[in-house]
Amino acid sequence: MRVAVLPDSERPGAGDWHVAEWRTIGGVPHATLLVGPGGVVELAPGAYRAWVEITAPPEKPVVASPRFHID
């Protein structure tokens, strides 16, 4: 599974993806990627979406999150 975090108006390209992990929180699986200082991605203030690409051969669905803001 891979995750891309991009400004709201952009779609992920080949160099935007980062390997992520599955974590279970309260019995529900979540895609996780460390974002922020010292993380895989650092974000400036603005509006963003996270994109998740799930590898489930032969499928590779890509799902976008709702928009979120960094202040």
PDB file of N, CA and C in Angstrom:
ATOM      1  N   MET A   1       0.836  -1.151   0.000  1.00  0.00           N
ATOM      2  CA  MET A   1       0.000   0.000   0.000  1.00  0.00           C
ATOM      3  C   MET A   1       0.894   1.231   0.000  1.00  0.00           C
ATOM      4  N   ARG A   2       0.427   2.256  -0.724  1.00  0.00           N
ATOM      5  CA  ARG A   2       1.168   3.512  -0.795  1.00  0.00           C
ATOM      6  C   ARG A   2       0.222   4.671  -0.524  1.00  0.00           C
ATOM      7  N   VAL A   3       0.794   5.761  -0.003  1.00  0.00           N
ATOM      8  CA  VAL A   3       0.013   6.958   0.303  1.00  0.00           C
ATOM      9  C   VAL A   3       0.722   8.169  -0.291  1.00  0.00           C
ATOM     10  N   ALA A   4      -0.061   9.094  -0.829  1.00  0.00           N
ATOM     11  CA  ALA A   4       0.440  10.385  -1.292  1.00  0.00           C
ATOM     12  C   ALA A   4      -0.375  11.463  -0.583  1.00  0.00           C
ATOM     13  N   VAL A   5       0.284  12.510  -0.125  1.00  0.00           N
ATOM     14  CA  VAL A   5      -0.409  13.641   0.497  1.00  0.00           C
ATOM     15  C   VAL A   5      -0.051  14.866  -0.316  1.00  0.00           C
ATOM     16  N   LEU A   6      -1.075  15.476  -0.940  1.00  0.00           N
ATOM     17  CA  LEU A   6      -0.841  16.559  -1.891  1.00  0.00           C
ATOM     18  C   LEU A   6      -1.815  17.712  -1.671  1.00  0.00           C
ATOM     19  N   PRO A   7      -1.445  18.915  -2.164  1.00  0.00           N
ATOM     20  CA  PRO A   7      -2.410  20.006  -2.130  1.00  0.00           C
ATOM     21  C   PRO A   7      -3.716  19.559  -2.790  1.00  0.00           C
ATOM     22  N   ASP A   8      -4.810  20.112  -2.287  1.00  0.00           N
ATOM     23  CA  ASP A   8      -6.152  19.680  -2.693  1.00  0.00           C
ATOM     24  C   ASP A   8      -6.359  19.671  -4.204  1.00  0.00           C
ATOM     25  N   SER A   9      -5.739  20.585  -4.932  1.00  0.00           N
ATOM     26  CA  SER A   9      -5.984  20.698  -6.373  1.00  0.00           C
ATOM     27  C   SER A   9      -5.141  19.738  -7.214  1.00  0.00           C
ATOM     28  N   GLU A  10      -4.247  18.960  -6.579  1.00  0.00           N
ATOM     29  CA  GLU A  10      -3.337  18.087  -7.332  1.00  0.00           C
ATOM     30  C   GLU A  10      -3.717  16.616  -7.220  1.00  0.00           C
ATOM     31  N   ARG A  11      -3.350  15.871  -8.264  1.00  0.00           N
ATOM     32  CA  ARG A  11      -3.503  14.413  -8.256  1.00  0.00           C
ATOM     33  C   ARG A  11      -2.103  13.802  -8.198  1.00  0.00           C
ATOM     34  N   PRO A  12      -1.956  12.625  -7.577  1.00  0.00           N
ATOM     35  CA  PRO A  12      -0.619  12.049  -7.421  1.00  0.00           C
ATOM     36  C   PRO A  12       0.019  11.607  -8.731  1.00  0.00           C
ATOM     37  N   GLY A  13       1.316  11.863  -8.824  1.00  0.00           N
ATOM     38  CA  GLY A  13       2.129  11.379  -9.931  1.00  0.00           C
ATOM     39  C   GLY A  13       3.064  10.295  -9.407  1.00  0.00           C
ATOM     40  N   ALA A  14       3.883   9.732 -10.262  1.00  0.00           N
ATOM     41  CA  ALA A  14       4.746   8.604  -9.900  1.00  0.00           C
ATOM     42  C   ALA A  14       5.653   8.910  -8.709  1.00  0.00           C
ATOM     43  N   GLY A  15       6.187  10.127  -8.583  1.00  0.00           N
ATOM     44  CA  GLY A  15       7.120  10.450  -7.517  1.00  0.00           C
ATOM     45  C   GLY A  15       6.477  10.894  -6.211  1.00  0.00           C
ATOM     46  N   ASP A  16       5.152  10.919  -6.154  1.00  0.00           N
ATOM     47  CA  ASP A  16       4.442  11.407  -4.960  1.00  0.00           C
ATOM     48  C   ASP A  16       4.124  10.320  -3.936  1.00  0.00           C
ATOM     49  N   TRP A  17       4.253   9.062  -4.318  1.00  0.00           N
ATOM     50  CA  TRP A  17       3.820   7.959  -3.459  1.00  0.00           C
ATOM     51  C   TRP A  17       4.883   7.580  -2.431  1.00  0.00           C
ATOM     52  N   HIS A  18       4.406   7.200  -1.228  1.00  0.00           N
ATOM     53  CA  HIS A  18       5.269   6.747  -0.135  1.00  0.00           C
ATOM     54  C   HIS A  18       4.703   5.445   0.421  1.00  0.00           C
ATOM     55  N   VAL A  19       5.588   4.510   0.773  1.00  0.00           N
ATOM     56  CA  VAL A  19       5.146   3.247   1.359  1.00  0.00           C
ATOM     57  C   VAL A  19       4.536   3.544   2.724  1.00  0.00           C
ATOM     58  N   ALA A  20       3.362   3.002   2.974  1.00  0.00           N
ATOM     59  CA  ALA A  20       2.639   3.221   4.227  1.00  0.00           C
ATOM     60  C   ALA A  20       2.421   1.878   4.926  1.00  0.00           C
ATOM     61  N   GLU A  21       1.845   1.946   6.121  1.00  0.00           N
ATOM     62  CA  GLU A  21       1.573   0.734   6.900  1.00  0.00           C
ATOM     63  C   GLU A  21       0.096   0.671   7.262  1.00  0.00           C
ATOM     64  N   TRP A  22      -0.387  -0.548   7.458  1.00  0.00           N
ATOM     65  CA  TRP A  22      -1.722  -0.750   8.015  1.00  0.00           C
ATOM     66  C   TRP A  22      -1.595  -0.777   9.536  1.00  0.00           C
ATOM     67  N   ARG A  23      -2.464  -0.071  10.220  1.00  0.00           N
ATOM     68  CA  ARG A  23      -2.568  -0.140  11.678  1.00  0.00           C
ATOM     69  C   ARG A  23      -4.034  -0.312  12.016  1.00  0.00           C
ATOM     70  N   THR A  24      -4.294  -1.090  13.045  1.00  0.00           N
ATOM     71  CA  THR A  24      -5.674  -1.294  13.482  1.00  0.00           C
ATOM     72  C   THR A  24      -5.930  -0.440  14.709  1.00  0.00           C
ATOM     73  N   ILE A  25      -6.941   0.403  14.626  1.00  0.00           N
ATOM     74  CA  ILE A  25      -7.327   1.291  15.716  1.00  0.00           C
ATOM     75  C   ILE A  25      -8.782   1.008  16.039  1.00  0.00           C
ATOM     76  N   GLY A  26      -9.034   0.528  17.250  1.00  0.00           N
ATOM     77  CA  GLY A  26     -10.405   0.203  17.639  1.00  0.00           C
ATOM     78  C   GLY A  26     -11.027  -0.861  16.762  1.00  0.00           C
ATOM     79  N   GLY A  27     -10.203  -1.782  16.272  1.00  0.00           N
ATOM     80  CA  GLY A  27     -10.702  -2.865  15.426  1.00  0.00           C
ATOM     81  C   GLY A  27     -10.885  -2.484  13.967  1.00  0.00           C
ATOM     82  N   VAL A  28     -10.535  -1.254  13.596  1.00  0.00           N
ATOM     83  CA  VAL A  28     -10.709  -0.779  12.220  1.00  0.00           C
ATOM     84  C   VAL A  28      -9.331  -0.526  11.598  1.00  0.00           C
ATOM     85  N   PRO A  29      -9.053  -1.119  10.425  1.00  0.00           N
ATOM     86  CA  PRO A  29      -7.759  -0.898   9.791  1.00  0.00           C
ATOM     87  C   PRO A  29      -7.663   0.510   9.197  1.00  0.00           C
ATOM     88  N   HIS A  30      -6.489   1.140   9.371  1.00  0.00           N
ATOM     89  CA  HIS A  30      -6.213   2.472   8.840  1.00  0.00           C
ATOM     90  C   HIS A  30      -4.869   2.441   8.112  1.00  0.00           C
ATOM     91  N   ALA A  31      -4.790   3.174   6.997  1.00  0.00           N
ATOM     92  CA  ALA A  31      -3.514   3.384   6.329  1.00  0.00           C
ATOM     93  C   ALA A  31      -2.787   4.477   7.098  1.00  0.00           C
ATOM     94  N   THR A  32      -1.506   4.267   7.436  1.00  0.00           N
ATOM     95  CA  THR A  32      -0.778   5.255   8.226  1.00  0.00           C
ATOM     96  C   THR A  32       0.534   5.658   7.545  1.00  0.00           C
ATOM     97  N   LEU A  33       0.848   6.942   7.692  1.00  0.00           N
ATOM     98  CA  LEU A  33       2.071   7.524   7.169  1.00  0.00           C
ATOM     99  C   LEU A  33       2.417   8.685   8.082  1.00  0.00           C
ATOM    100  N   LEU A  34       3.639   8.748   8.570  1.00  0.00           N
ATOM    101  CA  LEU A  34       4.041   9.816   9.477  1.00  0.00           C
ATOM    102  C   LEU A  34       4.192  11.115   8.697  1.00  0.00           C
ATOM    103  N   VAL A  35       3.408  12.116   9.092  1.00  0.00           N
ATOM    104  CA  VAL A  35       3.410  13.424   8.443  1.00  0.00           C
ATOM    105  C   VAL A  35       3.826  14.466   9.466  1.00  0.00           C
ATOM    106  N   GLY A  36       4.746  15.344   9.095  1.00  0.00           N
ATOM    107  CA  GLY A  36       5.184  16.410   9.990  1.00  0.00           C
ATOM    108  C   GLY A  36       6.686  16.389  10.140  1.00  0.00           C
ATOM    109  N   PRO A  37       7.221  17.241  11.035  1.00  0.00           N
ATOM    110  CA  PRO A  37       8.672  17.297  11.227  1.00  0.00           C
ATOM    111  C   PRO A  37       9.246  15.913  11.560  1.00  0.00           C
ATOM    112  N   GLY A  38      10.246  15.506  10.812  1.00  0.00           N
ATOM    113  CA  GLY A  38      10.852  14.196  11.006  1.00  0.00           C
ATOM    114  C   GLY A  38      10.076  13.069  10.342  1.00  0.00           C
ATOM    115  N   GLY A  39       8.956  13.373   9.706  1.00  0.00           N
ATOM    116  CA  GLY A  39       8.142  12.349   9.052  1.00  0.00           C
ATOM    117  C   GLY A  39       8.499  12.199   7.589  1.00  0.00           C
ATOM    118  N   VAL A  40       7.724  11.405   6.906  1.00  0.00           N
ATOM    119  CA  VAL A  40       7.939  11.150   5.477  1.00  0.00           C
ATOM    120  C   VAL A  40       7.567  12.375   4.650  1.00  0.00           C
ATOM    121  N   VAL A  41       6.550  13.110   5.095  1.00  0.00           N
ATOM    122  CA  VAL A  41       6.047  14.285   4.386  1.00  0.00           C
ATOM    123  C   VAL A  41       5.923  15.430   5.384  1.00  0.00           C
ATOM    124  N   GLU A  42       6.390  16.620   5.003  1.00  0.00           N
ATOM    125  CA  GLU A  42       6.175  17.823   5.809  1.00  0.00           C
ATOM    126  C   GLU A  42       5.277  18.754   5.002  1.00  0.00           C
ATOM    127  N   LEU A  43       4.251  19.305   5.658  1.00  0.00           N
ATOM    128  CA  LEU A  43       3.259  20.118   4.961  1.00  0.00           C
ATOM    129  C   LEU A  43       3.264  21.555   5.469  1.00  0.00           C
ATOM    130  N   ALA A  44       3.164  22.498   4.544  1.00  0.00           N
ATOM    131  CA  ALA A  44       3.001  23.909   4.879  1.00  0.00           C
ATOM    132  C   ALA A  44       1.499  24.157   5.099  1.00  0.00           C
ATOM    133  N   PRO A  45       1.137  25.281   5.686  1.00  0.00           N
ATOM    134  CA  PRO A  45      -0.294  25.584   5.828  1.00  0.00           C
ATOM    135  C   PRO A  45      -0.997  25.535   4.466  1.00  0.00           C
ATOM    136  N   GLY A  46      -2.192  24.980   4.453  1.00  0.00           N
ATOM    137  CA  GLY A  46      -2.968  24.888   3.216  1.00  0.00           C
ATOM    138  C   GLY A  46      -3.974  23.759   3.277  1.00  0.00           C
ATOM    139  N   ALA A  47      -4.650  23.524   2.150  1.00  0.00           N
ATOM    140  CA  ALA A  47      -5.653  22.461   2.023  1.00  0.00           C
ATOM    141  C   ALA A  47      -5.031  21.275   1.289  1.00  0.00           C
ATOM    142  N   TYR A  48      -5.278  20.075   1.795  1.00  0.00           N
ATOM    143  CA  TYR A  48      -4.657  18.852   1.266  1.00  0.00           C
ATOM    144  C   TYR A  48      -5.667  17.714   1.158  1.00  0.00           C
ATOM    145  N   ARG A  49      -5.272  16.680   0.438  1.00  0.00           N
ATOM    146  CA  ARG A  49      -5.968  15.386   0.414  1.00  0.00           C
ATOM    147  C   ARG A  49      -4.903  14.298   0.515  1.00  0.00           C
ATOM    148  N   ALA A  50      -5.249  13.216   1.166  1.00  0.00           N
ATOM    149  CA  ALA A  50      -4.398  12.021   1.176  1.00  0.00           C
ATOM    150  C   ALA A  50      -4.982  11.052   0.161  1.00  0.00           C
ATOM    151  N   TRP A  51      -4.123  10.430  -0.596  1.00  0.00           N
ATOM    152  CA  TRP A  51      -4.508   9.431  -1.595  1.00  0.00           C
ATOM    153  C   TRP A  51      -3.910   8.104  -1.162  1.00  0.00           C
ATOM    154  N   VAL A  52      -4.721   7.057  -1.182  1.00  0.00           N
ATOM    155  CA  VAL A  52      -4.261   5.718  -0.788  1.00  0.00           C
ATOM    156  C   VAL A  52      -4.404   4.791  -1.980  1.00  0.00           C
ATOM    157  N   GLU A  53      -3.303   4.121  -2.332  1.00  0.00           N
ATOM    158  CA  GLU A  53      -3.311   3.110  -3.389  1.00  0.00           C
ATOM    159  C   GLU A  53      -3.167   1.755  -2.708  1.00  0.00           C
ATOM    160  N   ILE A  54      -4.177   0.941  -2.851  1.00  0.00           N
ATOM    161  CA  ILE A  54      -4.195  -0.380  -2.219  1.00  0.00           C
ATOM    162  C   ILE A  54      -3.848  -1.424  -3.274  1.00  0.00           C
ATOM    163  N   THR A  55      -2.841  -2.225  -3.003  1.00  0.00           N
ATOM    164  CA  THR A  55      -2.446  -3.269  -3.940  1.00  0.00           C
ATOM    165  C   THR A  55      -3.185  -4.545  -3.587  1.00  0.00           C
ATOM    166  N   ALA A  56      -4.108  -4.930  -4.449  1.00  0.00           N
ATOM    167  CA  ALA A  56      -4.905  -6.144  -4.259  1.00  0.00           C
ATOM    168  C   ALA A  56      -5.045  -6.803  -5.635  1.00  0.00           C
ATOM    169  N   PRO A  57      -3.947  -7.459  -6.111  1.00  0.00           N
ATOM    170  CA  PRO A  57      -3.935  -7.997  -7.470  1.00  0.00           C
ATOM    171  C   PRO A  57      -5.210  -8.757  -7.828  1.00  0.00           C
ATOM    172  N   PRO A  58      -5.732  -8.557  -9.001  1.00  0.00           N
ATOM    173  CA  PRO A  58      -5.200  -7.746 -10.092  1.00  0.00           C
ATOM    174  C   PRO A  58      -5.608  -6.264  -9.996  1.00  0.00           C
ATOM    175  N   GLU A  59      -6.288  -5.879  -8.938  1.00  0.00           N
ATOM    176  CA  GLU A  59      -6.763  -4.500  -8.778  1.00  0.00           C
ATOM    177  C   GLU A  59      -5.733  -3.631  -8.070  1.00  0.00           C
ATOM    178  N   LYS A  60      -5.807  -2.316  -8.293  1.00  0.00           N
ATOM    179  CA  LYS A  60      -4.997  -1.323  -7.578  1.00  0.00           C
ATOM    180  C   LYS A  60      -5.872  -0.088  -7.366  1.00  0.00           C
ATOM    181  N   PRO A  61      -6.903  -0.204  -6.520  1.00  0.00           N
ATOM    182  CA  PRO A  61      -7.774   0.954  -6.328  1.00  0.00           C
ATOM    183  C   PRO A  61      -7.039   2.114  -5.663  1.00  0.00           C
ATOM    184  N   VAL A  62      -7.408   3.326  -6.045  1.00  0.00           N
ATOM    185  CA  VAL A  62      -6.867   4.550  -5.446  1.00  0.00           C
ATOM    186  C   VAL A  62      -8.051   5.313  -4.873  1.00  0.00           C
ATOM    187  N   VAL A  63      -7.945   5.660  -3.589  1.00  0.00           N
ATOM    188  CA  VAL A  63      -9.029   6.323  -2.878  1.00  0.00           C
ATOM    189  C   VAL A  63      -8.501   7.637  -2.310  1.00  0.00           C
ATOM    190  N   ALA A  64      -9.264   8.712  -2.482  1.00  0.00           N
ATOM    191  CA  ALA A  64      -8.874  10.018  -1.948  1.00  0.00           C
ATOM    192  C   ALA A  64      -9.634  10.294  -0.656  1.00  0.00           C
ATOM    193  N   SER A  65      -8.948  10.953   0.284  1.00  0.00           N
ATOM    194  CA  SER A  65      -9.587  11.343   1.535  1.00  0.00           C
ATOM    195  C   SER A  65     -10.402  12.617   1.322  1.00  0.00           C
ATOM    196  N   PRO A  66     -11.241  12.957   2.290  1.00  0.00           N
ATOM    197  CA  PRO A  66     -11.831  14.292   2.251  1.00  0.00           C
ATOM    198  C   PRO A  66     -10.724  15.338   2.414  1.00  0.00           C
ATOM    199  N   ARG A  67     -11.008  16.544   2.003  1.00  0.00           N
ATOM    200  CA  ARG A  67     -10.045  17.642   2.147  1.00  0.00           C
ATOM    201  C   ARG A  67      -9.804  17.923   3.619  1.00  0.00           C
ATOM    202  N   PHE A  68      -8.536  18.212   3.970  1.00  0.00           N
ATOM    203  CA  PHE A  68      -8.216  18.639   5.332  1.00  0.00           C
ATOM    204  C   PHE A  68      -7.282  19.834   5.264  1.00  0.00           C
ATOM    205  N   HIS A  69      -7.239  20.604   6.338  1.00  0.00           N
ATOM    206  CA  HIS A  69      -6.460  21.844   6.371  1.00  0.00           C
ATOM    207  C   HIS A  69      -5.353  21.767   7.411  1.00  0.00           C
ATOM    208  N   ILE A  70      -4.213  22.333   7.056  1.00  0.00           N
ATOM    209  CA  ILE A  70      -3.107  22.544   7.986  1.00  0.00           C
ATOM    210  C   ILE A  70      -3.041  24.049   8.212  1.00  0.00           C
ATOM    211  N   ASP A  71      -3.115  24.466   9.453  1.00  0.00           N
ATOM    212  CA  ASP A  71      -3.059  25.904   9.767  1.00  0.00           C
ATOM    213  C   ASP A  71      -1.701  26.290  10.312  1.00  0.00           C
TER     214      ASP A  71
END
